[in-house]
N, C-alpha and C. Protein backbone atom coordinates (compact mmCIF):
# COMPACT_ATOMS: atom_id res chain seq x y z
N MET A 1 -42.70 2.79 -0.45
CA MET A 1 -42.04 2.95 0.84
C MET A 1 -41.06 1.81 1.10
N ARG A 2 -41.48 0.58 0.77
CA ARG A 2 -40.59 -0.56 0.97
C ARG A 2 -39.31 -0.42 0.15
N TYR A 3 -39.47 0.08 -1.09
CA TYR A 3 -38.31 0.24 -1.96
C TYR A 3 -37.35 1.29 -1.40
N LEU A 4 -37.88 2.35 -0.87
CA LEU A 4 -37.06 3.39 -0.28
C LEU A 4 -36.29 2.85 0.91
N LEU A 5 -36.95 2.07 1.77
CA LEU A 5 -36.26 1.47 2.91
C LEU A 5 -35.20 0.49 2.46
N LEU A 6 -35.49 -0.28 1.45
CA LEU A 6 -34.52 -1.24 0.93
C LEU A 6 -33.29 -0.52 0.37
N ILE A 7 -33.51 0.54 -0.39
CA ILE A 7 -32.40 1.31 -0.94
C ILE A 7 -31.57 1.93 0.17
N LEU A 8 -32.20 2.52 1.17
CA LEU A 8 -31.47 3.10 2.30
C LEU A 8 -30.68 2.05 3.05
N PHE A 9 -31.26 0.89 3.26
CA PHE A 9 -30.57 -0.20 3.95
C PHE A 9 -29.32 -0.63 3.17
N VAL A 10 -29.45 -0.79 1.87
CA VAL A 10 -28.32 -1.20 1.04
C VAL A 10 -27.23 -0.14 1.06
N LEU A 11 -27.60 1.12 0.94
CA LEU A 11 -26.60 2.20 0.96
C LEU A 11 -25.85 2.24 2.29
N PHE A 12 -26.55 2.20 3.40
CA PHE A 12 -25.89 2.25 4.70
C PHE A 12 -25.06 1.01 4.95
N SER A 13 -25.51 -0.13 4.49
CA SER A 13 -24.74 -1.36 4.64
C SER A 13 -23.43 -1.28 3.87
N CYS A 14 -23.49 -0.75 2.66
CA CYS A 14 -22.29 -0.65 1.84
C CYS A 14 -21.28 0.31 2.46
N PHE A 15 -21.75 1.47 2.92
CA PHE A 15 -20.83 2.45 3.49
C PHE A 15 -20.23 1.94 4.80
N GLY A 16 -21.00 1.34 5.64
CA GLY A 16 -20.50 0.85 6.92
C GLY A 16 -19.58 -0.34 6.75
N TYR A 17 -19.90 -1.23 5.85
CA TYR A 17 -19.11 -2.45 5.69
C TYR A 17 -17.78 -2.18 5.00
N GLY A 18 -17.78 -1.29 4.01
CA GLY A 18 -16.58 -1.04 3.22
C GLY A 18 -15.41 -0.57 4.04
N HIS A 19 -15.64 0.25 5.02
CA HIS A 19 -14.53 0.76 5.80
C HIS A 19 -14.04 -0.24 6.84
N ASP A 20 -14.83 -1.26 7.14
CA ASP A 20 -14.41 -2.27 8.10
C ASP A 20 -13.38 -3.22 7.52
N ILE A 21 -13.21 -3.22 6.21
CA ILE A 21 -12.20 -4.08 5.60
C ILE A 21 -10.86 -3.40 5.81
N ARG A 22 -9.96 -4.07 6.53
CA ARG A 22 -8.69 -3.47 6.91
C ARG A 22 -7.64 -3.89 5.90
N MET A 23 -7.27 -2.93 5.03
CA MET A 23 -6.27 -3.24 4.02
C MET A 23 -5.55 -1.99 3.56
N ALA A 24 -4.37 -2.22 3.01
CA ALA A 24 -3.62 -1.19 2.31
C ALA A 24 -3.45 -1.71 0.88
N ILE A 25 -3.44 -0.80 -0.06
CA ILE A 25 -3.33 -1.19 -1.47
C ILE A 25 -2.02 -0.65 -2.03
N PHE A 26 -1.24 -1.54 -2.64
CA PHE A 26 0.04 -1.22 -3.26
C PHE A 26 -0.11 -1.50 -4.75
N GLU A 27 -0.06 -0.44 -5.57
CA GLU A 27 -0.25 -0.61 -7.01
C GLU A 27 1.04 -0.28 -7.76
N ILE A 28 1.48 -1.21 -8.57
CA ILE A 28 2.67 -1.02 -9.40
C ILE A 28 2.21 -0.94 -10.85
N SER A 29 2.65 0.12 -11.54
CA SER A 29 2.27 0.30 -12.94
C SER A 29 3.38 1.06 -13.65
N LYS A 30 3.14 1.36 -14.90
CA LYS A 30 4.12 2.11 -15.68
C LYS A 30 3.40 3.21 -16.43
N ASP A 31 3.97 4.44 -16.40
CA ASP A 31 3.44 5.50 -17.23
C ASP A 31 4.38 5.66 -18.42
N ASN A 32 4.32 6.77 -19.09
CA ASN A 32 5.16 6.96 -20.28
C ASN A 32 6.65 6.98 -19.97
N LYS A 33 7.02 7.40 -18.76
CA LYS A 33 8.44 7.58 -18.44
C LYS A 33 8.95 6.63 -17.37
N ASN A 34 8.13 6.32 -16.37
CA ASN A 34 8.62 5.63 -15.18
C ASN A 34 7.74 4.46 -14.78
N TYR A 35 8.33 3.61 -13.96
CA TYR A 35 7.55 2.63 -13.23
C TYR A 35 7.08 3.32 -11.96
N ILE A 36 5.83 3.09 -11.58
CA ILE A 36 5.17 3.83 -10.50
C ILE A 36 4.74 2.87 -9.40
N LEU A 37 4.82 3.34 -8.15
CA LEU A 37 4.26 2.64 -6.99
C LEU A 37 3.34 3.63 -6.29
N ASP A 38 2.05 3.29 -6.22
CA ASP A 38 1.08 4.11 -5.49
C ASP A 38 0.55 3.27 -4.34
N ILE A 39 0.57 3.85 -3.13
CA ILE A 39 0.15 3.14 -1.93
C ILE A 39 -0.97 3.94 -1.26
N SER A 40 -2.01 3.23 -0.82
CA SER A 40 -3.09 3.83 -0.06
C SER A 40 -3.17 3.13 1.29
N PHE A 41 -2.91 3.88 2.36
CA PHE A 41 -2.98 3.36 3.72
C PHE A 41 -4.21 3.92 4.43
N ASP A 42 -4.86 3.11 5.24
CA ASP A 42 -5.86 3.63 6.17
C ASP A 42 -5.11 4.51 7.16
N LYS A 43 -5.56 5.74 7.33
CA LYS A 43 -4.84 6.72 8.15
C LYS A 43 -4.67 6.26 9.61
N LYS A 44 -5.73 5.73 10.21
CA LYS A 44 -5.66 5.31 11.61
C LYS A 44 -4.73 4.12 11.80
N ASP A 45 -4.80 3.16 10.89
CA ASP A 45 -3.93 1.98 10.99
C ASP A 45 -2.47 2.37 10.81
N LEU A 46 -2.19 3.27 9.86
CA LEU A 46 -0.81 3.72 9.66
C LEU A 46 -0.30 4.45 10.89
N GLU A 47 -1.12 5.33 11.45
CA GLU A 47 -0.72 6.06 12.66
C GLU A 47 -0.39 5.10 13.81
N ARG A 48 -1.24 4.08 13.98
CA ARG A 48 -1.02 3.11 15.05
C ARG A 48 0.33 2.41 14.88
N SER A 49 0.63 1.99 13.68
CA SER A 49 1.90 1.30 13.42
C SER A 49 3.09 2.25 13.56
N LEU A 50 2.95 3.47 13.05
CA LEU A 50 4.06 4.43 13.12
C LEU A 50 4.38 4.83 14.56
N ILE A 51 3.35 5.12 15.32
CA ILE A 51 3.57 5.56 16.71
C ILE A 51 4.17 4.43 17.54
N THR A 52 3.76 3.21 17.26
CA THR A 52 4.31 2.08 18.00
C THR A 52 5.77 1.86 17.62
N ALA A 53 6.09 1.96 16.33
CA ALA A 53 7.46 1.76 15.86
C ALA A 53 8.36 2.95 16.19
N TYR A 54 7.80 4.15 16.18
CA TYR A 54 8.57 5.38 16.39
C TYR A 54 7.85 6.26 17.42
N PRO A 55 8.02 5.98 18.71
CA PRO A 55 7.31 6.75 19.74
C PRO A 55 7.61 8.25 19.70
N LYS A 56 8.75 8.65 19.16
CA LYS A 56 9.08 10.08 19.06
C LYS A 56 8.12 10.83 18.15
N LEU A 57 7.39 10.08 17.33
CA LEU A 57 6.43 10.70 16.43
C LEU A 57 5.32 11.42 17.19
N LEU A 58 5.06 11.01 18.42
CA LEU A 58 4.03 11.66 19.23
C LEU A 58 4.33 13.14 19.46
N THR A 59 5.61 13.50 19.51
CA THR A 59 5.99 14.89 19.76
C THR A 59 6.35 15.64 18.48
N ALA A 60 6.35 14.96 17.33
CA ALA A 60 6.67 15.63 16.07
C ALA A 60 5.54 16.57 15.67
N LYS A 61 5.92 17.74 15.21
CA LYS A 61 4.91 18.74 14.89
C LYS A 61 4.84 19.09 13.40
N ASP A 62 5.79 18.60 12.61
CA ASP A 62 5.79 18.98 11.20
C ASP A 62 5.67 17.75 10.30
N ASN A 63 5.20 17.98 9.09
CA ASN A 63 5.00 16.89 8.14
C ASN A 63 6.31 16.31 7.62
N MET A 64 7.37 17.09 7.57
CA MET A 64 8.65 16.56 7.11
C MET A 64 9.15 15.45 8.03
N THR A 65 9.01 15.64 9.33
CA THR A 65 9.42 14.61 10.28
C THR A 65 8.54 13.38 10.12
N ARG A 66 7.25 13.60 10.02
CA ARG A 66 6.30 12.49 9.83
C ARG A 66 6.64 11.71 8.56
N GLU A 67 6.93 12.42 7.48
CA GLU A 67 7.24 11.75 6.22
C GLU A 67 8.55 10.98 6.29
N SER A 68 9.52 11.47 7.06
CA SER A 68 10.76 10.70 7.20
C SER A 68 10.51 9.40 7.96
N TYR A 69 9.61 9.42 8.95
CA TYR A 69 9.24 8.19 9.64
C TYR A 69 8.48 7.24 8.71
N ILE A 70 7.62 7.79 7.87
CA ILE A 70 6.90 6.95 6.91
C ILE A 70 7.89 6.27 5.96
N LYS A 71 8.88 7.02 5.47
CA LYS A 71 9.90 6.45 4.58
C LYS A 71 10.68 5.34 5.29
N ASP A 72 11.09 5.59 6.53
CA ASP A 72 11.81 4.57 7.30
C ASP A 72 10.95 3.32 7.49
N TYR A 73 9.68 3.54 7.81
CA TYR A 73 8.77 2.43 8.02
C TYR A 73 8.61 1.60 6.74
N LEU A 74 8.45 2.28 5.62
CA LEU A 74 8.33 1.56 4.35
C LEU A 74 9.60 0.78 4.02
N GLU A 75 10.76 1.39 4.22
CA GLU A 75 12.02 0.70 3.94
C GLU A 75 12.18 -0.55 4.79
N SER A 76 11.66 -0.53 6.00
CA SER A 76 11.76 -1.67 6.90
C SER A 76 10.73 -2.75 6.62
N ASN A 77 9.58 -2.37 6.08
CA ASN A 77 8.45 -3.31 5.98
C ASN A 77 8.01 -3.64 4.56
N PHE A 78 8.56 -2.97 3.56
CA PHE A 78 8.16 -3.22 2.18
C PHE A 78 9.40 -3.26 1.31
N GLN A 79 9.62 -4.41 0.68
CA GLN A 79 10.80 -4.55 -0.17
C GLN A 79 10.42 -5.21 -1.48
N LEU A 80 11.05 -4.72 -2.55
CA LEU A 80 10.82 -5.23 -3.89
C LEU A 80 12.13 -5.68 -4.50
N ALA A 81 12.08 -6.80 -5.22
CA ALA A 81 13.19 -7.22 -6.08
C ALA A 81 12.58 -7.43 -7.46
N ILE A 82 13.00 -6.63 -8.40
CA ILE A 82 12.47 -6.72 -9.75
C ILE A 82 13.54 -7.32 -10.64
N ASN A 83 13.16 -8.39 -11.33
CA ASN A 83 14.12 -9.16 -12.14
C ASN A 83 15.34 -9.52 -11.30
N ASN A 84 15.09 -9.90 -10.04
CA ASN A 84 16.10 -10.33 -9.07
C ASN A 84 17.07 -9.23 -8.65
N ASN A 85 16.69 -7.96 -8.83
CA ASN A 85 17.49 -6.83 -8.36
C ASN A 85 16.66 -6.02 -7.38
N CYS A 86 17.23 -5.73 -6.21
CA CYS A 86 16.51 -4.94 -5.20
C CYS A 86 16.25 -3.52 -5.72
N VAL A 87 15.05 -3.04 -5.45
CA VAL A 87 14.63 -1.72 -5.90
C VAL A 87 14.08 -0.96 -4.70
N VAL A 88 14.59 0.24 -4.48
CA VAL A 88 14.10 1.09 -3.40
C VAL A 88 13.24 2.19 -4.02
N PRO A 89 11.95 2.25 -3.66
CA PRO A 89 11.08 3.29 -4.22
C PRO A 89 11.55 4.70 -3.84
N ASN A 90 11.44 5.61 -4.80
CA ASN A 90 11.72 7.04 -4.56
C ASN A 90 10.39 7.71 -4.26
N ILE A 91 10.15 8.00 -2.99
CA ILE A 91 8.88 8.62 -2.60
C ILE A 91 8.88 10.07 -3.05
N GLU A 92 7.88 10.42 -3.85
CA GLU A 92 7.79 11.76 -4.39
C GLU A 92 6.71 12.60 -3.73
N ALA A 93 5.66 11.94 -3.21
CA ALA A 93 4.59 12.71 -2.60
C ALA A 93 3.88 11.86 -1.55
N VAL A 94 3.54 12.53 -0.44
CA VAL A 94 2.70 11.94 0.60
C VAL A 94 1.52 12.86 0.76
N THR A 95 0.31 12.32 0.56
CA THR A 95 -0.91 13.12 0.61
C THR A 95 -1.78 12.61 1.74
N TYR A 96 -2.26 13.54 2.58
CA TYR A 96 -3.11 13.20 3.72
C TYR A 96 -4.55 13.56 3.39
N GLU A 97 -5.42 12.57 3.45
CA GLU A 97 -6.84 12.79 3.22
C GLU A 97 -7.57 12.49 4.53
N ASP A 98 -8.89 12.60 4.51
CA ASP A 98 -9.67 12.36 5.73
C ASP A 98 -9.39 10.99 6.34
N GLU A 99 -9.47 9.95 5.53
CA GLU A 99 -9.32 8.59 6.06
C GLU A 99 -8.11 7.85 5.52
N TYR A 100 -7.38 8.44 4.58
CA TYR A 100 -6.28 7.74 3.93
C TYR A 100 -5.02 8.58 3.89
N VAL A 101 -3.89 7.87 3.83
CA VAL A 101 -2.61 8.48 3.51
C VAL A 101 -2.19 7.83 2.19
N ARG A 102 -1.94 8.66 1.19
CA ARG A 102 -1.58 8.14 -0.13
C ARG A 102 -0.12 8.51 -0.39
N ILE A 103 0.60 7.54 -0.90
CA ILE A 103 2.02 7.72 -1.20
C ILE A 103 2.23 7.45 -2.68
N HIS A 104 2.92 8.38 -3.33
CA HIS A 104 3.26 8.21 -4.74
C HIS A 104 4.78 8.12 -4.84
N ALA A 105 5.25 7.05 -5.50
CA ALA A 105 6.69 6.85 -5.64
C ALA A 105 7.01 6.37 -7.05
N THR A 106 8.23 6.61 -7.47
CA THR A 106 8.72 6.03 -8.71
C THR A 106 9.69 4.92 -8.35
N LEU A 107 9.81 3.96 -9.26
CA LEU A 107 10.73 2.85 -9.08
C LEU A 107 11.88 3.02 -10.06
N PRO A 108 13.10 3.13 -9.57
CA PRO A 108 14.25 3.35 -10.46
C PRO A 108 14.64 2.06 -11.19
N ILE A 109 13.89 1.76 -12.25
CA ILE A 109 14.11 0.54 -13.02
C ILE A 109 14.62 0.92 -14.40
N LYS A 110 15.66 0.23 -14.83
CA LYS A 110 16.23 0.53 -16.13
C LYS A 110 15.82 -0.51 -17.18
N TRP A 111 15.18 -1.57 -16.76
CA TRP A 111 14.83 -2.63 -17.70
C TRP A 111 13.62 -2.23 -18.52
N GLN A 112 13.59 -2.67 -19.73
CA GLN A 112 12.45 -2.41 -20.58
C GLN A 112 11.27 -3.31 -20.24
N LYS A 113 11.57 -4.54 -19.79
CA LYS A 113 10.48 -5.48 -19.50
C LYS A 113 10.68 -6.10 -18.12
N VAL A 114 9.64 -6.02 -17.32
CA VAL A 114 9.66 -6.63 -16.00
C VAL A 114 9.20 -8.08 -16.15
N GLU A 115 10.03 -9.01 -15.69
CA GLU A 115 9.68 -10.42 -15.77
C GLU A 115 9.19 -10.96 -14.44
N THR A 116 9.87 -10.60 -13.34
CA THR A 116 9.46 -11.07 -12.02
C THR A 116 9.56 -9.94 -11.01
N ILE A 117 8.64 -9.95 -10.06
CA ILE A 117 8.68 -9.02 -8.94
C ILE A 117 8.52 -9.84 -7.66
N ASN A 118 9.53 -9.83 -6.82
CA ASN A 118 9.45 -10.47 -5.51
C ASN A 118 9.06 -9.39 -4.51
N VAL A 119 7.99 -9.65 -3.76
CA VAL A 119 7.46 -8.67 -2.82
C VAL A 119 7.54 -9.23 -1.41
N PHE A 120 8.08 -8.43 -0.50
CA PHE A 120 8.05 -8.69 0.94
C PHE A 120 7.29 -7.53 1.54
N ASN A 121 6.21 -7.83 2.29
CA ASN A 121 5.38 -6.74 2.80
C ASN A 121 4.79 -7.10 4.15
N THR A 122 5.25 -6.39 5.19
CA THR A 122 4.69 -6.55 6.54
C THR A 122 4.06 -5.25 7.03
N CYS A 123 3.81 -4.31 6.12
CA CYS A 123 3.22 -3.02 6.50
C CYS A 123 1.89 -3.22 7.21
N LEU A 124 1.75 -2.56 8.34
CA LEU A 124 0.53 -2.50 9.15
C LEU A 124 0.10 -3.85 9.73
N LEU A 125 0.86 -4.90 9.51
CA LEU A 125 0.49 -6.21 10.05
C LEU A 125 0.85 -6.31 11.53
N ASP A 126 1.75 -5.44 11.99
CA ASP A 126 2.27 -5.53 13.34
C ASP A 126 1.25 -5.21 14.43
N TYR A 127 0.51 -4.14 14.29
CA TYR A 127 -0.39 -3.71 15.36
C TYR A 127 -1.82 -3.49 14.89
N ASN A 128 -2.19 -4.10 13.79
CA ASN A 128 -3.53 -3.95 13.23
C ASN A 128 -4.07 -5.33 12.90
N GLU A 129 -4.69 -5.94 13.88
CA GLU A 129 -5.18 -7.31 13.73
C GLU A 129 -6.16 -7.42 12.56
N GLY A 130 -5.99 -8.47 11.76
CA GLY A 130 -6.88 -8.71 10.64
C GLY A 130 -6.56 -7.90 9.40
N HIS A 131 -5.42 -7.22 9.40
CA HIS A 131 -5.05 -6.36 8.28
C HIS A 131 -4.54 -7.19 7.10
N SER A 132 -4.81 -6.73 5.87
CA SER A 132 -4.30 -7.33 4.64
C SER A 132 -3.65 -6.26 3.78
N ASN A 133 -2.67 -6.68 3.00
CA ASN A 133 -2.05 -5.81 2.02
C ASN A 133 -2.36 -6.38 0.64
N ILE A 134 -2.93 -5.56 -0.21
CA ILE A 134 -3.26 -5.97 -1.56
C ILE A 134 -2.16 -5.45 -2.48
N ILE A 135 -1.54 -6.36 -3.22
CA ILE A 135 -0.52 -6.01 -4.19
C ILE A 135 -1.17 -6.13 -5.57
N LYS A 136 -1.22 -5.03 -6.30
CA LYS A 136 -1.83 -5.03 -7.63
C LYS A 136 -0.77 -4.55 -8.61
N VAL A 137 -0.44 -5.41 -9.57
CA VAL A 137 0.59 -5.09 -10.55
C VAL A 137 -0.06 -5.04 -11.93
N MET A 138 0.08 -3.89 -12.58
CA MET A 138 -0.51 -3.68 -13.90
C MET A 138 0.61 -3.39 -14.89
N LEU A 139 1.21 -4.46 -15.40
CA LEU A 139 2.33 -4.34 -16.34
C LEU A 139 2.15 -5.34 -17.48
N ASN A 140 2.88 -5.10 -18.55
CA ASN A 140 2.91 -6.02 -19.69
C ASN A 140 1.50 -6.38 -20.17
N GLU A 141 0.61 -5.41 -20.11
CA GLU A 141 -0.78 -5.58 -20.56
C GLU A 141 -1.54 -6.65 -19.79
N ARG A 142 -1.11 -6.92 -18.57
CA ARG A 142 -1.80 -7.87 -17.70
C ARG A 142 -1.83 -7.32 -16.28
N THR A 143 -2.91 -7.62 -15.57
CA THR A 143 -3.05 -7.20 -14.18
C THR A 143 -3.01 -8.44 -13.30
N ARG A 144 -2.18 -8.38 -12.28
CA ARG A 144 -2.06 -9.48 -11.32
C ARG A 144 -2.32 -8.90 -9.93
N THR A 145 -3.12 -9.59 -9.12
CA THR A 145 -3.46 -9.11 -7.78
C THR A 145 -3.21 -10.21 -6.76
N PHE A 146 -2.59 -9.83 -5.64
CA PHE A 146 -2.27 -10.78 -4.58
C PHE A 146 -2.65 -10.17 -3.23
N ARG A 147 -3.08 -11.01 -2.32
CA ARG A 147 -3.41 -10.59 -0.96
C ARG A 147 -2.34 -11.13 -0.02
N LEU A 148 -1.73 -10.23 0.75
CA LEU A 148 -0.75 -10.62 1.76
C LEU A 148 -1.33 -10.30 3.13
N SER A 149 -0.98 -11.14 4.10
CA SER A 149 -1.47 -10.95 5.47
C SER A 149 -0.41 -11.47 6.43
N SER A 150 -0.74 -11.57 7.70
CA SER A 150 0.23 -12.06 8.67
C SER A 150 0.62 -13.52 8.39
N GLU A 151 -0.25 -14.26 7.70
CA GLU A 151 0.05 -15.64 7.35
C GLU A 151 0.92 -15.74 6.09
N ARG A 152 0.89 -14.74 5.25
CA ARG A 152 1.63 -14.74 3.98
C ARG A 152 2.18 -13.35 3.76
N ILE A 153 3.50 -13.17 3.91
CA ILE A 153 4.10 -11.85 3.80
C ILE A 153 4.93 -11.66 2.53
N THR A 154 5.04 -12.71 1.72
CA THR A 154 5.80 -12.60 0.48
C THR A 154 5.00 -13.18 -0.68
N THR A 155 5.32 -12.71 -1.86
CA THR A 155 4.76 -13.28 -3.08
C THR A 155 5.70 -12.98 -4.23
N VAL A 156 5.54 -13.73 -5.30
CA VAL A 156 6.29 -13.51 -6.52
C VAL A 156 5.28 -13.26 -7.65
N VAL A 157 5.43 -12.15 -8.31
CA VAL A 157 4.60 -11.83 -9.47
C VAL A 157 5.44 -12.21 -10.70
N ASP A 158 4.96 -13.18 -11.45
CA ASP A 158 5.74 -13.72 -12.56
C ASP A 158 5.08 -13.36 -13.89
N TYR A 159 5.78 -12.58 -14.71
CA TYR A 159 5.28 -12.18 -16.01
C TYR A 159 6.01 -12.90 -17.15
N ARG A 160 6.83 -13.89 -16.82
CA ARG A 160 7.52 -14.64 -17.88
C ARG A 160 6.51 -15.50 -18.63
N GLU A 161 6.69 -15.60 -19.90
CA GLU A 161 5.77 -16.40 -20.74
C GLU A 161 6.20 -17.84 -20.74
């Protein structure tokens, strides 16, 4: 009986605690053809930031309008410079799940090797106290992870040897 209670306690603690961590995850990687950017936003936090930045969103009834606001928000709050050249992600898909909004984008990069990535990221920091953005870059056979918050909104990912 004690073991059963212990297992139930651990399970409920994990489920309750995990969602209290306020973060968005930005993953940069490469597939066979393209450089990829995948973003996972907490749905409620994204809605709070979008509605505050774009009050007209309250009356929008279609996903196309919502997605155009998401694109505008990303362009204003997330910027990349790869090998010292600005790169604007091409958003290809926005997926709505129960608790998350997932964005899939390609990065129009012509270089064979990424040496540096300068990241500016203020997404969801505006109206979501305690929020963090995790930048995870999986390139050149190495993974680099950085945490950005209201205290630190920029980072440089350096893959030069």
